[in-house]
């Protein structure tokens, strides 16, 4: 019996438009989480320090960096984080 991998399951399910939409949203949330984490580390800030500079709370930064929050972060929050870490936002569509 051939083993079924997670990649196989995802590839099969990506044919479903609703699954594809939710999958792509999760991929975007995870990418944002990784970028925010890397920006914070590059700036030499703790989560608390970033939160203070971005006028938010440490739990908000922790949730965002975890990538486990199903909510998409607001553009306003991302702009505050970018400014607090010395970065700028660049948005593109493909």
N, C-alpha and C. Protein backbone atom coordinates (compact mmCIF):
# COMPACT_ATOMS: atom_id res chain seq x y z
N UNK A 1 0.85 -1.18 0.00
CA UNK A 1 0.00 0.00 0.00
C UNK A 1 0.89 1.24 0.00
N UNK A 2 0.61 2.18 -0.90
CA UNK A 2 1.39 3.41 -1.02
C UNK A 2 0.98 4.41 0.06
N UNK A 3 1.96 4.99 0.68
CA UNK A 3 1.70 6.01 1.70
C UNK A 3 1.21 7.29 1.03
N UNK A 4 0.28 7.94 1.69
CA UNK A 4 -0.23 9.22 1.20
C UNK A 4 0.40 10.32 2.04
N UNK A 5 1.04 11.27 1.38
CA UNK A 5 1.71 12.35 2.10
C UNK A 5 0.77 13.55 2.24
N UNK A 6 1.13 14.44 3.14
CA UNK A 6 0.37 15.67 3.31
C UNK A 6 0.38 16.47 2.01
N UNK A 7 1.52 16.51 1.33
CA UNK A 7 1.59 17.21 0.05
C UNK A 7 0.61 16.65 -0.95
N UNK A 8 0.44 15.32 -0.97
CA UNK A 8 -0.53 14.69 -1.87
C UNK A 8 -1.95 15.15 -1.56
N UNK A 9 -2.28 15.18 -0.28
CA UNK A 9 -3.62 15.58 0.15
C UNK A 9 -3.87 17.04 -0.21
N UNK A 10 -2.88 17.89 0.06
CA UNK A 10 -3.03 19.31 -0.26
C UNK A 10 -3.20 19.50 -1.76
N UNK A 11 -2.35 18.87 -2.53
CA UNK A 11 -2.40 18.99 -4.00
C UNK A 11 -3.78 18.58 -4.52
N UNK A 12 -4.31 17.50 -4.00
CA UNK A 12 -5.64 17.03 -4.43
C UNK A 12 -6.72 18.03 -4.04
N UNK A 13 -6.64 18.53 -2.81
CA UNK A 13 -7.68 19.44 -2.32
C UNK A 13 -7.60 20.84 -2.91
N UNK A 14 -6.45 21.22 -3.44
CA UNK A 14 -6.32 22.55 -4.04
C UNK A 14 -7.21 22.71 -5.28
N UNK A 15 -7.73 21.60 -5.79
CA UNK A 15 -8.66 21.66 -6.93
C UNK A 15 -10.00 22.23 -6.51
N UNK A 16 -10.30 22.16 -5.22
CA UNK A 16 -11.55 22.72 -4.68
C UNK A 16 -11.34 24.22 -4.44
N UNK A 17 -12.12 25.08 -5.11
CA UNK A 17 -11.93 26.54 -4.99
C UNK A 17 -12.00 27.06 -3.56
N UNK A 18 -12.91 26.53 -2.76
CA UNK A 18 -13.04 27.01 -1.37
C UNK A 18 -11.81 26.61 -0.55
N UNK A 19 -11.35 25.39 -0.72
CA UNK A 19 -10.15 24.94 -0.03
C UNK A 19 -8.96 25.79 -0.45
N UNK A 20 -8.82 26.01 -1.77
CA UNK A 20 -7.71 26.81 -2.29
C UNK A 20 -7.70 28.20 -1.68
N UNK A 21 -8.87 28.82 -1.59
CA UNK A 21 -8.97 30.17 -1.02
C UNK A 21 -8.50 30.18 0.44
N UNK A 22 -8.98 29.24 1.23
CA UNK A 22 -8.60 29.18 2.65
C UNK A 22 -7.12 28.83 2.81
N UNK A 23 -6.63 27.92 1.98
CA UNK A 23 -5.22 27.52 2.03
C UNK A 23 -4.31 28.72 1.71
N UNK A 24 -4.65 29.45 0.67
CA UNK A 24 -3.84 30.62 0.29
C UNK A 24 -3.87 31.69 1.37
N UNK A 25 -5.02 31.85 2.04
CA UNK A 25 -5.10 32.82 3.14
C UNK A 25 -4.17 32.41 4.27
N UNK A 26 -4.18 31.13 4.63
CA UNK A 26 -3.30 30.64 5.69
C UNK A 26 -1.83 30.80 5.31
N UNK A 27 -1.51 30.55 4.05
CA UNK A 27 -0.14 30.73 3.58
C UNK A 27 0.29 32.19 3.74
N UNK A 28 -0.60 33.11 3.41
CA UNK A 28 -0.30 34.54 3.54
C UNK A 28 -0.12 34.94 5.00
N UNK A 29 -0.99 34.46 5.87
CA UNK A 29 -0.88 34.77 7.31
C UNK A 29 0.45 34.24 7.85
N UNK A 30 0.84 33.04 7.45
CA UNK A 30 2.11 32.48 7.90
C UNK A 30 3.30 33.25 7.36
N UNK A 31 3.22 33.71 6.12
CA UNK A 31 4.31 34.51 5.54
C UNK A 31 4.45 35.83 6.28
N UNK A 32 3.34 36.47 6.60
CA UNK A 32 3.37 37.72 7.35
C UNK A 32 3.97 37.48 8.73
N UNK A 33 3.58 36.39 9.38
CA UNK A 33 4.11 36.06 10.70
C UNK A 33 5.63 35.94 10.66
N UNK A 34 6.14 35.24 9.67
CA UNK A 34 7.58 35.06 9.55
C UNK A 34 8.29 36.38 9.27
N UNK A 35 7.69 37.23 8.44
CA UNK A 35 8.31 38.53 8.14
C UNK A 35 8.35 39.42 9.38
N UNK A 36 7.26 39.45 10.13
CA UNK A 36 7.21 40.28 11.34
C UNK A 36 8.25 39.79 12.35
N UNK A 37 8.33 38.50 12.54
CA UNK A 37 9.32 37.93 13.45
C UNK A 37 10.74 38.32 13.02
N UNK A 38 11.02 38.19 11.73
CA UNK A 38 12.36 38.51 11.24
C UNK A 38 12.66 40.01 11.35
N UNK A 39 11.67 40.85 11.07
CA UNK A 39 11.87 42.30 11.21
C UNK A 39 12.18 42.66 12.65
N UNK A 40 11.41 42.06 13.57
CA UNK A 40 11.62 42.35 15.00
C UNK A 40 13.02 41.93 15.43
N UNK A 41 13.43 40.75 15.02
CA UNK A 41 14.76 40.27 15.39
C UNK A 41 15.85 41.14 14.76
N UNK A 42 15.68 41.52 13.51
CA UNK A 42 16.65 42.38 12.84
C UNK A 42 16.77 43.73 13.54
N UNK A 43 15.66 44.19 14.11
CA UNK A 43 15.66 45.47 14.82
C UNK A 43 16.19 45.32 16.24
N UNK A 44 16.43 44.08 16.68
CA UNK A 44 16.94 43.85 18.03
C UNK A 44 15.94 44.15 19.12
N UNK A 45 14.67 43.91 18.83
CA UNK A 45 13.61 44.23 19.78
C UNK A 45 12.98 42.98 20.36
N UNK A 46 12.53 43.08 21.59
CA UNK A 46 11.70 42.03 22.16
C UNK A 46 10.27 42.27 21.68
N UNK A 47 9.40 41.30 21.92
CA UNK A 47 8.00 41.49 21.56
C UNK A 47 7.41 42.69 22.30
N UNK A 48 7.76 42.83 23.57
CA UNK A 48 7.24 43.95 24.36
C UNK A 48 7.73 45.28 23.82
N UNK A 49 9.01 45.36 23.48
CA UNK A 49 9.56 46.60 22.94
C UNK A 49 8.89 46.97 21.61
N UNK A 50 8.70 45.97 20.76
CA UNK A 50 8.03 46.23 19.48
C UNK A 50 6.60 46.69 19.72
N UNK A 51 5.92 46.03 20.63
CA UNK A 51 4.54 46.40 20.93
C UNK A 51 4.46 47.85 21.39
N UNK A 52 5.37 48.25 22.26
CA UNK A 52 5.36 49.63 22.75
C UNK A 52 5.62 50.61 21.62
N UNK A 53 6.59 50.31 20.77
CA UNK A 53 6.91 51.21 19.65
C UNK A 53 5.79 51.27 18.62
N UNK A 54 5.04 50.16 18.48
CA UNK A 54 3.95 50.10 17.49
C UNK A 54 2.59 50.46 18.10
N UNK A 55 2.60 50.86 19.36
CA UNK A 55 1.37 51.26 20.07
C UNK A 55 0.33 50.15 20.07
N UNK A 56 0.78 48.96 20.46
CA UNK A 56 -0.11 47.82 20.62
C UNK A 56 0.34 47.06 21.86
N UNK A 57 -0.06 45.82 22.00
CA UNK A 57 0.32 45.04 23.18
C UNK A 57 1.19 43.86 22.78
N UNK A 58 1.93 43.35 23.75
CA UNK A 58 2.80 42.20 23.49
C UNK A 58 1.99 40.97 23.05
N UNK A 59 0.82 40.69 23.64
CA UNK A 59 0.05 39.54 23.16
C UNK A 59 -0.36 39.65 21.68
N UNK A 60 -0.60 40.87 21.22
CA UNK A 60 -0.93 41.06 19.79
C UNK A 60 0.26 40.66 18.94
N UNK A 61 1.46 41.09 19.33
CA UNK A 61 2.67 40.75 18.58
C UNK A 61 2.90 39.24 18.64
N UNK A 62 2.72 38.64 19.79
CA UNK A 62 2.92 37.19 19.95
C UNK A 62 1.96 36.40 19.06
N UNK A 63 0.68 36.80 19.05
CA UNK A 63 -0.30 36.12 18.21
C UNK A 63 0.05 36.26 16.73
N UNK A 64 0.45 37.46 16.35
CA UNK A 64 0.82 37.71 14.95
C UNK A 64 2.01 36.87 14.54
N UNK A 65 3.04 36.84 15.37
CA UNK A 65 4.26 36.08 15.05
C UNK A 65 4.02 34.57 15.05
N UNK A 66 3.04 34.11 15.80
CA UNK A 66 2.79 32.67 15.86
C UNK A 66 2.19 32.14 14.57
N UNK A 67 1.49 32.99 13.83
CA UNK A 67 0.85 32.55 12.60
C UNK A 67 -0.37 31.68 12.84
N UNK A 68 -0.77 31.55 14.10
CA UNK A 68 -1.89 30.67 14.44
C UNK A 68 -3.21 31.41 14.56
N UNK A 69 -3.17 32.72 14.47
CA UNK A 69 -4.39 33.51 14.54
C UNK A 69 -5.01 33.53 13.14
N UNK A 70 -6.25 33.11 13.02
CA UNK A 70 -6.88 33.03 11.70
C UNK A 70 -7.26 34.40 11.15
N UNK A 71 -7.18 35.42 11.99
CA UNK A 71 -7.50 36.77 11.51
C UNK A 71 -6.32 37.32 10.72
N UNK A 72 -6.62 38.02 9.65
CA UNK A 72 -5.58 38.67 8.86
C UNK A 72 -5.24 39.99 9.54
N UNK A 73 -3.96 40.26 9.81
CA UNK A 73 -3.60 41.52 10.48
C UNK A 73 -3.98 42.72 9.63
N UNK A 74 -4.38 43.78 10.28
CA UNK A 74 -4.80 44.98 9.55
C UNK A 74 -3.59 45.68 8.93
N UNK A 75 -3.85 46.40 7.88
CA UNK A 75 -2.80 47.17 7.23
C UNK A 75 -2.26 48.23 8.19
N UNK A 76 -3.13 48.80 8.99
CA UNK A 76 -2.71 49.80 9.98
C UNK A 76 -1.69 49.21 10.95
N UNK A 77 -1.97 48.00 11.47
CA UNK A 77 -1.04 47.35 12.39
C UNK A 77 0.27 47.03 11.70
N UNK A 78 0.21 46.51 10.50
CA UNK A 78 1.44 46.17 9.77
C UNK A 78 2.28 47.42 9.48
N UNK A 79 1.62 48.53 9.19
CA UNK A 79 2.35 49.78 8.95
C UNK A 79 3.04 50.25 10.22
N UNK A 80 2.37 50.14 11.37
CA UNK A 80 2.97 50.53 12.65
C UNK A 80 4.18 49.65 12.97
N UNK A 81 4.05 48.34 12.71
CA UNK A 81 5.16 47.42 12.97
C UNK A 81 6.32 47.72 12.05
N UNK A 82 6.03 47.96 10.79
CA UNK A 82 7.09 48.28 9.82
C UNK A 82 7.84 49.54 10.26
N UNK A 83 7.11 50.57 10.61
CA UNK A 83 7.74 51.82 11.04
C UNK A 83 8.56 51.61 12.31
N UNK A 84 8.03 50.84 13.24
CA UNK A 84 8.72 50.61 14.51
C UNK A 84 10.01 49.82 14.34
N UNK A 85 10.11 49.05 13.26
CA UNK A 85 11.30 48.23 13.03
C UNK A 85 12.21 48.79 11.94
N UNK A 86 11.84 49.96 11.40
CA UNK A 86 12.68 50.59 10.38
C UNK A 86 12.47 50.03 8.98
N UNK A 87 11.36 49.37 8.75
CA UNK A 87 11.05 48.83 7.42
C UNK A 87 9.89 49.58 6.79
N UNK A 88 9.67 49.34 5.52
CA UNK A 88 8.52 49.89 4.80
C UNK A 88 7.75 48.73 4.20
N UNK A 89 6.45 48.93 4.03
CA UNK A 89 5.60 47.90 3.44
C UNK A 89 5.63 48.04 1.93
N UNK A 90 5.74 46.90 1.27
CA UNK A 90 5.68 46.84 -0.19
C UNK A 90 4.64 45.79 -0.54
N UNK A 91 3.52 46.18 -1.12
CA UNK A 91 2.45 45.25 -1.44
C UNK A 91 2.42 45.01 -2.94
N UNK A 92 2.22 43.77 -3.32
CA UNK A 92 2.14 43.45 -4.74
C UNK A 92 1.08 42.39 -5.00
N UNK A 93 0.66 42.32 -6.22
CA UNK A 93 -0.31 41.32 -6.64
C UNK A 93 0.26 40.56 -7.83
N UNK A 94 -0.03 39.26 -7.88
CA UNK A 94 0.43 38.47 -9.02
C UNK A 94 -0.75 37.77 -9.65
